[in-house]
Amino acid sequence: MKALLALLLIVLALSGAPLFIVISAAALLSFYLLGVDLSIVIIEMYRLAANPLLIALLFFAFAGYVLTESGAGKRLVRLSTAIFGCLPGGLAVVSLLSCAFFTALTGASGITIVALGGLLLPALLDEKYPEDFSLGLLTSSGSLGLLFPPSLPMIIYGVVVGASIPQLFLAGLLPGIFLVLLLSIYSMYKGVRSDCAIISFSFHELYRTSREAIWEILLPVVVFGGIFSGFLALSEAAAITVLYVIVVALLINRDVKFKQMGLIIIRSVLMVGGIIVILGAALAFNSFLVDQQVPAKILLWIQSHVESKIVFLIILNFFLLIVGCVLDIYSALVIVAPLIVPIAQGYDINLLHLGVIFLTNLQIGYSTPPIGMNLFIASLRFEESILRLGIASLPFLGILLVALAIITFVPELSLFLVK
């Protein structure tokens, strides 16, 4: 009977059924076989829905969708170009910074590639950057901002493992800057080698673009200054973010119409509702695994075969890279994190550092051939083959993997600001 049910779940997964259906079915069947009341799954979903941190998730998601519909992306690109365009490889650096900032606000790499890719790719090609370099840059940097606040995946990780989200935001800052810095150095090197055009610096252009993007510049100062100073709770900061973004988009810049708000609300509610369903089903299923002592058994097996913390971290990185290729980041966090956390704590790994390792791996997995999600999204956006995009992304993936190794084995990089 158990084998038959397991086979049914495998067939569901391979048939393309939504992930929350597969997870929910696994949880319900597991509890049914144990004679446990099935209402535990619904109770878990209700407990999550009542969690005030998920209110913050909904508000930040809504603000991200409003920014996507507005001209914020174009204004940020123009401002970054005015500041960094005079550097060798300046436009490539502009692309990295714009993608990182936009992904941090929207929480989704796919949105970044779709929203900014069509703007940045022609600009890079016009400035004589090699086409493969430009395609690889935009494909791999689509998920670059997931370590920066108000990263939605970071909020999900904090909810799942019970870590402080403001401290997670602090832990992700230096590693996120480090990733952008390494890729920027490579981009500048490539710009010099390819003899790409350099945009002359102009104070007038800097002043003009700063005035255009002043409200986007002030957003992180107002909101995250409140969070890190302790003046605002996370949910309060999220509410202020929504109010700020709506006032700017509808009343000041007027690049979002009031009639668009209904569709934006529907999109953000659908996304967060889907996350809550996946979270509830996954955590209920994880409760079953904990009840069956599965994490404890895995920990004992690993500790009996892997004594070194370093070896465990290497295995963990390989595992998470594969997970990042196969699953979307939200599903990966809610399914895998609760299983990995007790094992990692057995090796005395800090939860904040573990969260940074998680998100760094998952964002790299997004662009890892052959099935990284960014490859498919970029293929549709740029009308290029996945094979070409995968090959074009390899130099950037190599740099990101080097950065991942440093982030993994130098925990002070993640914990310095927290301490």
Protein backbone atom coordinates (compact mmCIF):
# COMPACT_ATOMS: atom_id res chain seq x y z
CA MET A 1 0.00 0.00 0.00
CA LYS A 2 2.76 2.44 0.98
CA ALA A 3 4.68 1.64 -2.20
CA LEU A 4 1.57 2.27 -4.27
CA LEU A 5 1.00 5.66 -2.62
CA ALA A 6 4.64 6.62 -3.10
CA LEU A 7 4.35 5.69 -6.77
CA LEU A 8 1.22 7.85 -7.05
CA LEU A 9 3.06 10.86 -5.62
CA ILE A 10 5.95 10.35 -8.05
CA VAL A 11 3.53 10.19 -10.98
CA LEU A 12 1.85 13.41 -9.75
CA ALA A 13 5.19 15.19 -9.54
CA LEU A 14 6.35 14.01 -12.97
CA SER A 15 3.01 14.88 -14.59
CA GLY A 16 3.56 18.56 -13.80
CA ALA A 17 0.99 18.85 -11.02
CA PRO A 18 1.41 22.04 -8.93
CA LEU A 19 3.98 21.54 -6.19
CA PHE A 20 1.58 22.40 -3.36
CA ILE A 21 -0.72 19.56 -4.51
CA VAL A 22 2.12 17.03 -4.40
CA ILE A 23 3.32 18.24 -0.99
CA SER A 24 -0.20 18.42 0.42
CA ALA A 25 -0.94 14.91 -0.84
CA ALA A 26 2.28 13.61 0.74
CA ALA A 27 1.40 15.23 4.08
CA LEU A 28 -2.21 14.05 4.09
CA LEU A 29 -1.36 10.48 3.06
CA SER A 30 1.45 10.26 5.62
CA PHE A 31 -0.79 11.40 8.47
CA TYR A 32 -3.62 9.16 7.28
CA LEU A 33 -1.37 6.09 7.37
CA LEU A 34 -0.33 7.00 10.92
CA GLY A 35 -3.93 7.55 12.02
CA VAL A 36 -3.28 11.23 12.77
CA ASP A 37 -6.14 13.74 12.47
CA LEU A 38 -5.85 15.34 9.02
CA SER A 39 -6.97 18.71 10.35
CA ILE A 40 -3.36 19.28 11.44
CA VAL A 41 -2.56 20.44 7.88
CA ILE A 42 -5.36 23.04 7.94
CA ILE A 43 -4.31 24.14 11.43
CA GLU A 44 -0.76 24.63 10.17
CA MET A 45 -2.01 26.78 7.29
CA TYR A 46 -4.16 28.87 9.65
CA ARG A 47 -1.22 29.35 12.02
CA LEU A 48 0.90 30.61 9.13
CA ALA A 49 -1.84 32.90 7.81
CA ALA A 50 -2.09 34.50 11.27
CA ASN A 51 1.67 35.06 11.44
CA PRO A 52 2.32 38.84 11.38
CA LEU A 53 5.53 38.27 9.41
CA LEU A 54 3.47 37.07 6.47
CA ILE A 55 1.67 40.42 6.50
CA ALA A 56 5.09 41.93 5.79
CA LEU A 57 5.60 39.41 2.99
CA LEU A 58 2.30 40.41 1.37
CA PHE A 59 3.05 44.14 1.63
CA PHE A 60 6.59 43.84 0.25
CA ALA A 61 5.32 41.65 -2.62
CA PHE A 62 2.64 44.22 -3.43
CA ALA A 63 5.18 47.07 -3.36
CA GLY A 64 7.42 45.06 -5.68
CA TYR A 65 4.63 44.57 -8.21
CA VAL A 66 3.82 48.31 -8.12
CA LEU A 67 7.49 49.14 -8.77
CA THR A 68 7.54 46.64 -11.65
CA GLU A 69 4.60 48.39 -13.33
CA SER A 70 6.13 51.82 -12.78
CA GLY A 71 9.13 53.35 -14.51
CA ALA A 72 11.38 52.71 -11.51
CA GLY A 73 13.60 50.29 -13.43
CA LYS A 74 14.33 52.76 -16.21
CA ARG A 75 15.02 55.61 -13.78
CA LEU A 76 17.45 53.44 -11.78
CA VAL A 77 19.27 52.38 -14.95
CA ARG A 78 19.66 56.02 -16.07
CA LEU A 79 20.94 57.07 -12.65
CA SER A 80 23.40 54.16 -12.44
CA THR A 81 24.65 54.98 -15.93
CA ALA A 82 25.26 58.60 -14.95
CA ILE A 83 27.31 57.47 -11.93
CA PHE A 84 29.19 54.42 -13.23
CA GLY A 85 29.06 54.83 -17.02
CA CYS A 86 32.44 56.63 -17.02
CA LEU A 87 34.22 53.52 -15.66
CA PRO A 88 35.73 50.86 -17.91
CA GLY A 89 32.93 48.33 -18.31
CA GLY A 90 30.66 50.88 -16.69
CA LEU A 91 27.45 49.87 -18.46
CA ALA A 92 27.96 46.24 -17.42
CA VAL A 93 28.39 47.39 -13.81
CA VAL A 94 25.23 49.46 -14.23
CA SER A 95 23.40 46.31 -15.37
CA LEU A 96 24.59 44.36 -12.31
CA LEU A 97 23.59 47.08 -9.85
CA SER A 98 20.21 47.69 -11.50
CA CYS A 99 19.35 43.97 -11.53
CA ALA A 100 20.46 43.52 -7.91
CA PHE A 101 18.44 46.50 -6.69
CA PHE A 102 15.35 45.53 -8.68
CA THR A 103 15.46 41.87 -7.59
CA ALA A 104 15.83 42.94 -3.95
CA LEU A 105 12.64 45.00 -4.23
CA THR A 106 10.57 42.52 -6.26
CA GLY A 107 11.93 39.27 -4.77
CA ALA A 108 11.81 37.47 -8.12
CA SER A 109 14.61 37.06 -10.66
CA GLY A 110 12.17 36.31 -13.47
CA ILE A 111 10.55 39.72 -13.09
CA THR A 112 13.98 41.39 -13.24
CA ILE A 113 14.97 39.64 -16.46
CA VAL A 114 11.65 40.44 -18.10
CA ALA A 115 11.47 44.04 -16.86
CA LEU A 116 15.11 45.12 -17.37
CA GLY A 117 16.42 42.64 -19.94
CA GLY A 118 14.78 44.33 -22.91
CA LEU A 119 16.17 47.68 -21.78
CA LEU A 120 19.72 46.63 -20.91
CA LEU A 121 20.58 44.11 -23.66
CA PRO A 122 20.27 46.59 -26.58
CA ALA A 123 22.22 49.19 -24.57
CA LEU A 124 25.07 46.72 -23.91
CA LEU A 125 25.22 45.69 -27.56
CA ASP A 126 25.19 49.32 -28.71
CA GLU A 127 28.24 49.99 -26.52
CA LYS A 128 30.08 47.09 -28.26
CA TYR A 129 29.92 44.54 -25.44
CA PRO A 130 30.17 40.97 -26.83
CA GLU A 131 26.73 39.43 -27.28
CA ASP A 132 27.50 36.25 -25.33
CA PHE A 133 28.93 38.29 -22.46
CA SER A 134 25.81 40.49 -22.39
CA LEU A 135 23.44 37.52 -22.46
CA GLY A 136 25.37 35.71 -19.71
CA LEU A 137 25.53 38.87 -17.60
CA LEU A 138 21.77 39.49 -17.67
CA THR A 139 20.86 35.81 -17.25
CA SER A 140 23.07 35.24 -14.21
CA SER A 141 22.45 38.61 -12.53
CA GLY A 142 18.66 38.25 -12.63
CA SER A 143 18.73 36.73 -9.13
CA LEU A 144 21.64 38.75 -7.78
CA GLY A 145 19.70 40.81 -5.25
CA LEU A 146 18.21 38.02 -3.13
CA LEU A 147 20.63 38.72 -0.26
CA PHE A 148 19.58 42.38 0.01
CA PRO A 149 16.58 43.64 2.01
CA PRO A 150 13.63 43.38 1.67
CA SER A 151 14.34 39.99 0.05
CA LEU A 152 11.13 37.94 0.15
CA PRO A 153 13.04 34.60 0.20
CA MET A 154 14.98 35.84 3.24
CA ILE A 155 11.69 36.59 5.02
CA ILE A 156 10.45 33.07 4.15
CA TYR A 157 13.66 31.53 5.52
CA GLY A 158 13.26 33.51 8.74
CA VAL A 159 9.64 32.35 9.12
CA VAL A 160 10.49 28.70 8.44
CA VAL A 161 13.49 28.40 10.78
CA GLY A 162 12.49 30.99 13.38
CA ALA A 163 15.44 33.32 12.79
CA SER A 164 15.38 37.10 13.29
CA ILE A 165 14.57 38.68 9.93
CA PRO A 166 16.25 42.07 10.62
CA GLN A 167 19.39 40.14 11.61
CA LEU A 168 19.09 38.08 8.41
CA PHE A 169 18.93 41.31 6.41
CA LEU A 170 22.15 42.46 8.11
CA ALA A 171 23.80 39.08 7.54
CA GLY A 172 23.09 39.22 3.81
CA LEU A 173 24.44 42.74 3.18
CA LEU A 174 28.21 42.11 3.03
CA PRO A 175 27.96 38.78 1.12
CA GLY A 176 25.58 40.45 -1.35
CA ILE A 177 27.97 43.37 -1.87
CA PHE A 178 30.83 40.88 -2.23
CA LEU A 179 29.00 39.02 -5.03
CA VAL A 180 28.28 42.25 -6.90
CA LEU A 181 31.87 43.45 -6.42
CA LEU A 182 33.44 40.29 -7.88
CA LEU A 183 31.13 40.33 -10.90
CA SER A 184 31.79 44.07 -11.36
CA ILE A 185 35.57 43.51 -11.44
CA TYR A 186 35.13 40.84 -14.12
CA SER A 187 32.78 43.12 -16.08
CA MET A 188 35.28 45.98 -15.98
CA TYR A 189 38.03 43.63 -17.16
CA LYS A 190 35.80 42.46 -20.01
CA GLY A 191 34.94 46.05 -20.91
CA VAL A 192 38.63 46.95 -21.23
CA ARG A 193 39.45 43.80 -23.24
CA SER A 194 36.55 44.40 -25.63
CA ASP A 195 37.37 48.12 -26.01
CA CYS A 196 33.80 49.03 -25.11
CA ALA A 197 32.64 52.62 -25.24
CA ILE A 198 32.95 54.71 -22.07
CA ILE A 199 30.26 57.27 -21.32
CA SER A 200 31.61 60.68 -20.41
CA PHE A 201 30.79 61.82 -16.89
CA SER A 202 28.43 64.79 -16.69
CA PHE A 203 27.38 66.59 -13.52
CA HIS A 204 24.33 67.86 -15.36
CA GLU A 205 23.27 64.31 -16.29
CA LEU A 206 23.93 63.11 -12.74
CA TYR A 207 21.80 65.93 -11.35
CA ARG A 208 19.00 65.26 -13.85
CA THR A 209 18.85 61.50 -13.27
CA SER A 210 19.14 61.98 -9.49
CA ARG A 211 16.11 64.25 -9.56
CA GLU A 212 14.22 61.67 -11.65
CA ALA A 213 15.06 58.79 -9.31
CA ILE A 214 15.01 60.70 -6.01
CA TRP A 215 12.00 58.77 -4.68
CA GLU A 216 13.59 55.38 -5.47
CA ILE A 217 16.81 56.58 -3.79
CA LEU A 218 14.94 57.58 -0.63
CA LEU A 219 12.93 54.35 -0.36
CA PRO A 220 15.64 52.16 1.24
CA VAL A 221 16.80 55.06 3.43
CA VAL A 222 13.33 55.67 4.88
CA VAL A 223 12.23 52.05 5.26
CA PHE A 224 15.37 50.18 6.24
CA GLY A 225 16.66 52.99 8.38
CA GLY A 226 13.51 52.42 10.43
CA ILE A 227 14.07 48.63 10.61
CA PHE A 228 17.76 48.67 11.52
CA SER A 229 17.37 51.52 14.01
CA GLY A 230 14.71 49.51 15.83
CA PHE A 231 12.16 52.29 15.33
CA LEU A 232 9.91 50.14 13.09
CA ALA A 233 8.88 46.51 13.29
CA LEU A 234 9.14 44.55 10.04
CA SER A 235 5.38 44.58 9.38
CA GLU A 236 5.27 48.35 10.07
CA ALA A 237 8.15 48.94 7.67
CA ALA A 238 6.34 46.88 5.03
CA ALA A 239 3.15 48.92 5.48
CA ILE A 240 5.12 52.18 5.13
CA THR A 241 6.79 50.78 2.02
CA VAL A 242 3.39 50.14 0.42
CA LEU A 243 2.11 53.60 1.32
CA TYR A 244 5.31 55.23 0.06
CA VAL A 245 5.33 53.31 -3.24
CA ILE A 246 1.62 53.97 -3.92
CA VAL A 247 1.93 57.72 -3.26
CA VAL A 248 5.03 57.97 -5.48
CA ALA A 249 3.67 55.81 -8.33
CA LEU A 250 0.11 57.16 -8.41
CA LEU A 251 0.40 60.78 -7.27
CA ILE A 252 3.98 61.99 -7.79
CA ASN A 253 5.44 60.18 -10.82
CA ARG A 254 2.01 59.13 -12.13
CA ASP A 255 3.43 56.21 -14.12
CA VAL A 256 0.91 53.75 -12.65
CA LYS A 257 -2.79 54.30 -13.25
CA PHE A 258 -5.38 53.71 -10.55
CA LYS A 259 -7.17 51.20 -12.79
CA GLN A 260 -4.02 49.03 -12.77
CA MET A 261 -4.11 48.62 -9.00
CA GLY A 262 -6.76 45.90 -9.07
CA LEU A 263 -4.61 43.64 -11.27
CA ILE A 264 -1.51 44.38 -9.17
CA ILE A 265 -3.39 43.43 -5.99
CA ILE A 266 -4.62 40.18 -7.57
CA ARG A 267 -1.09 39.22 -8.70
CA SER A 268 0.50 39.87 -5.31
CA VAL A 269 -2.28 38.10 -3.39
CA LEU A 270 -2.08 35.07 -5.70
CA MET A 271 1.69 34.85 -5.21
CA VAL A 272 1.57 35.18 -1.42
CA GLY A 273 -1.49 32.88 -1.20
CA GLY A 274 0.41 30.23 -3.15
CA ILE A 275 3.39 30.63 -0.81
CA ILE A 276 1.14 30.20 2.26
CA VAL A 277 -0.40 27.01 0.82
CA ILE A 278 3.04 25.59 0.02
CA LEU A 279 4.33 26.64 3.44
CA GLY A 280 1.41 25.09 5.30
CA ALA A 281 1.58 21.81 3.39
CA ALA A 282 5.38 21.64 3.62
CA LEU A 283 5.54 22.41 7.34
CA ALA A 284 2.78 19.91 8.07
CA PHE A 285 4.74 17.29 6.13
CA ASN A 286 7.91 18.31 7.97
CA SER A 287 6.02 17.81 11.24
CA PHE A 288 5.38 14.25 10.11
CA LEU A 289 9.08 13.78 9.31
CA VAL A 290 10.09 15.16 12.71
CA ASP A 291 7.52 12.91 14.41
CA GLN A 292 9.14 9.98 12.64
CA GLN A 293 12.58 11.26 13.72
CA VAL A 294 13.75 11.48 10.09
CA PRO A 295 16.05 14.53 10.61
CA ALA A 296 17.59 12.91 13.70
CA LYS A 297 18.23 9.68 11.77
CA ILE A 298 19.76 11.61 8.87
CA LEU A 299 21.96 13.56 11.30
CA LEU A 300 23.19 10.35 12.95
CA TRP A 301 23.93 8.79 9.56
CA ILE A 302 25.79 11.88 8.31
CA GLN A 303 27.77 12.28 11.52
CA SER A 304 28.77 8.62 11.41
CA HIS A 305 30.09 9.08 7.85
CA VAL A 306 31.10 12.77 7.82
CA GLU A 307 33.06 13.95 10.84
CA SER A 308 34.43 17.17 9.34
CA LYS A 309 32.33 20.33 9.33
CA ILE A 310 34.13 21.43 6.17
CA VAL A 311 33.21 18.24 4.32
CA PHE A 312 29.58 18.65 5.45
CA LEU A 313 29.50 22.22 4.10
CA ILE A 314 30.89 21.06 0.75
CA ILE A 315 28.22 18.34 0.52
CA LEU A 316 25.56 20.85 1.57
CA ASN A 317 26.57 23.27 -1.19
CA PHE A 318 26.43 20.59 -3.88
CA PHE A 319 23.02 19.49 -2.61
CA LEU A 320 21.60 23.02 -2.51
CA LEU A 321 22.87 23.84 -6.00
CA ILE A 322 20.94 20.85 -7.32
CA VAL A 323 17.87 21.89 -5.33
CA GLY A 324 18.17 25.42 -6.75
CA CYS A 325 18.11 24.01 -10.29
CA VAL A 326 15.09 21.78 -9.73
CA LEU A 327 12.79 23.83 -7.45
CA ASP A 328 11.73 27.45 -7.32
CA ILE A 329 13.33 29.29 -4.41
CA TYR A 330 10.22 29.46 -2.19
CA SER A 331 9.48 25.74 -2.49
CA ALA A 332 13.14 24.90 -1.91
CA LEU A 333 13.23 26.96 1.28
CA VAL A 334 10.07 25.55 2.87
CA ILE A 335 10.80 21.94 1.92
CA VAL A 336 14.55 21.70 2.50
CA ALA A 337 15.36 24.28 5.21
CA PRO A 338 13.47 22.57 8.09
CA LEU A 339 15.29 19.32 7.31
CA ILE A 340 18.75 20.87 6.98
CA VAL A 341 18.62 23.21 9.99
CA PRO A 342 18.82 20.55 12.77
CA ILE A 343 21.58 18.77 10.86
CA ALA A 344 23.55 22.01 10.38
CA GLN A 345 23.12 22.89 14.07
CA GLY A 346 24.66 19.50 14.86
CA TYR A 347 27.81 20.86 13.18
CA ASP A 348 27.51 24.16 15.10
CA ILE A 349 26.62 26.26 12.03
CA ASN A 350 25.02 29.62 12.81
CA LEU A 351 21.42 29.92 11.51
CA LEU A 352 22.07 33.36 10.00
CA HIS A 353 25.18 32.13 8.20
CA LEU A 354 23.23 29.06 7.04
CA GLY A 355 20.53 31.34 5.61
CA VAL A 356 23.10 33.26 3.56
CA ILE A 357 24.56 29.96 2.29
CA PHE A 358 21.06 28.77 1.39
CA LEU A 359 20.11 31.86 -0.60
CA THR A 360 23.50 32.14 -2.32
CA ASN A 361 23.24 28.53 -3.51
CA LEU A 362 19.65 28.89 -4.63
CA GLN A 363 20.29 32.08 -6.58
CA ILE A 364 23.25 30.42 -8.34
CA GLY A 365 21.12 27.34 -9.01
CA TYR A 366 18.62 29.58 -10.84
CA SER A 367 21.20 30.08 -13.63
CA THR A 368 22.94 26.70 -13.54
CA PRO A 369 22.65 24.60 -16.74
CA PRO A 370 20.80 22.64 -17.88
CA ILE A 371 17.55 23.36 -16.01
CA GLY A 372 18.08 26.58 -14.03
CA MET A 373 14.88 28.66 -14.10
CA ASN A 374 16.64 31.85 -15.23
CA LEU A 375 17.80 30.06 -18.39
CA PHE A 376 14.22 29.34 -19.42
CA ILE A 377 12.97 32.86 -18.61
CA ALA A 378 15.93 34.49 -20.41
CA SER A 379 15.43 32.15 -23.38
CA LEU A 380 11.88 33.42 -23.79
CA ARG A 381 12.84 37.08 -23.16
CA PHE A 382 15.87 37.21 -25.47
CA GLU A 383 14.68 34.56 -27.96
CA GLU A 384 17.91 32.59 -27.63
CA SER A 385 18.50 28.88 -27.09
CA ILE A 386 18.95 27.60 -23.55
CA LEU A 387 22.21 25.96 -24.64
CA ARG A 388 23.68 29.29 -25.76
CA LEU A 389 22.54 31.07 -22.61
CA GLY A 390 23.96 28.27 -20.44
CA ILE A 391 27.37 28.52 -22.13
CA ALA A 392 27.29 32.33 -21.94
CA SER A 393 26.56 32.17 -18.19
CA LEU A 394 29.47 29.84 -17.35
CA PRO A 395 32.11 32.56 -16.61
CA PHE A 396 29.68 34.32 -14.26
CA LEU A 397 28.75 31.03 -12.59
CA GLY A 398 32.44 30.31 -12.04
CA ILE A 399 32.88 33.65 -10.26
CA LEU A 400 29.73 33.11 -8.20
CA LEU A 401 30.92 29.65 -7.14
CA VAL A 402 34.25 31.10 -5.97
CA ALA A 403 32.29 33.71 -4.00
CA LEU A 404 30.06 30.96 -2.58
CA ALA A 405 33.11 29.06 -1.30
CA ILE A 406 34.40 32.20 0.43
CA ILE A 407 30.97 32.99 1.92
CA THR A 408 30.66 29.39 3.14
CA PHE A 409 34.07 29.06 4.78
CA VAL A 410 34.42 32.64 6.07
CA PRO A 411 31.31 32.98 8.28
CA GLU A 412 32.56 36.35 9.60
CA LEU A 413 31.57 37.85 6.25
CA SER A 414 27.92 37.09 7.10
CA LEU A 415 28.08 37.66 10.85
CA PHE A 416 30.29 40.77 11.12
CA LEU A 417 27.44 43.34 10.91
CA VAL A 418 25.20 41.23 13.14
CA LYS A 419 27.85 41.11 15.87
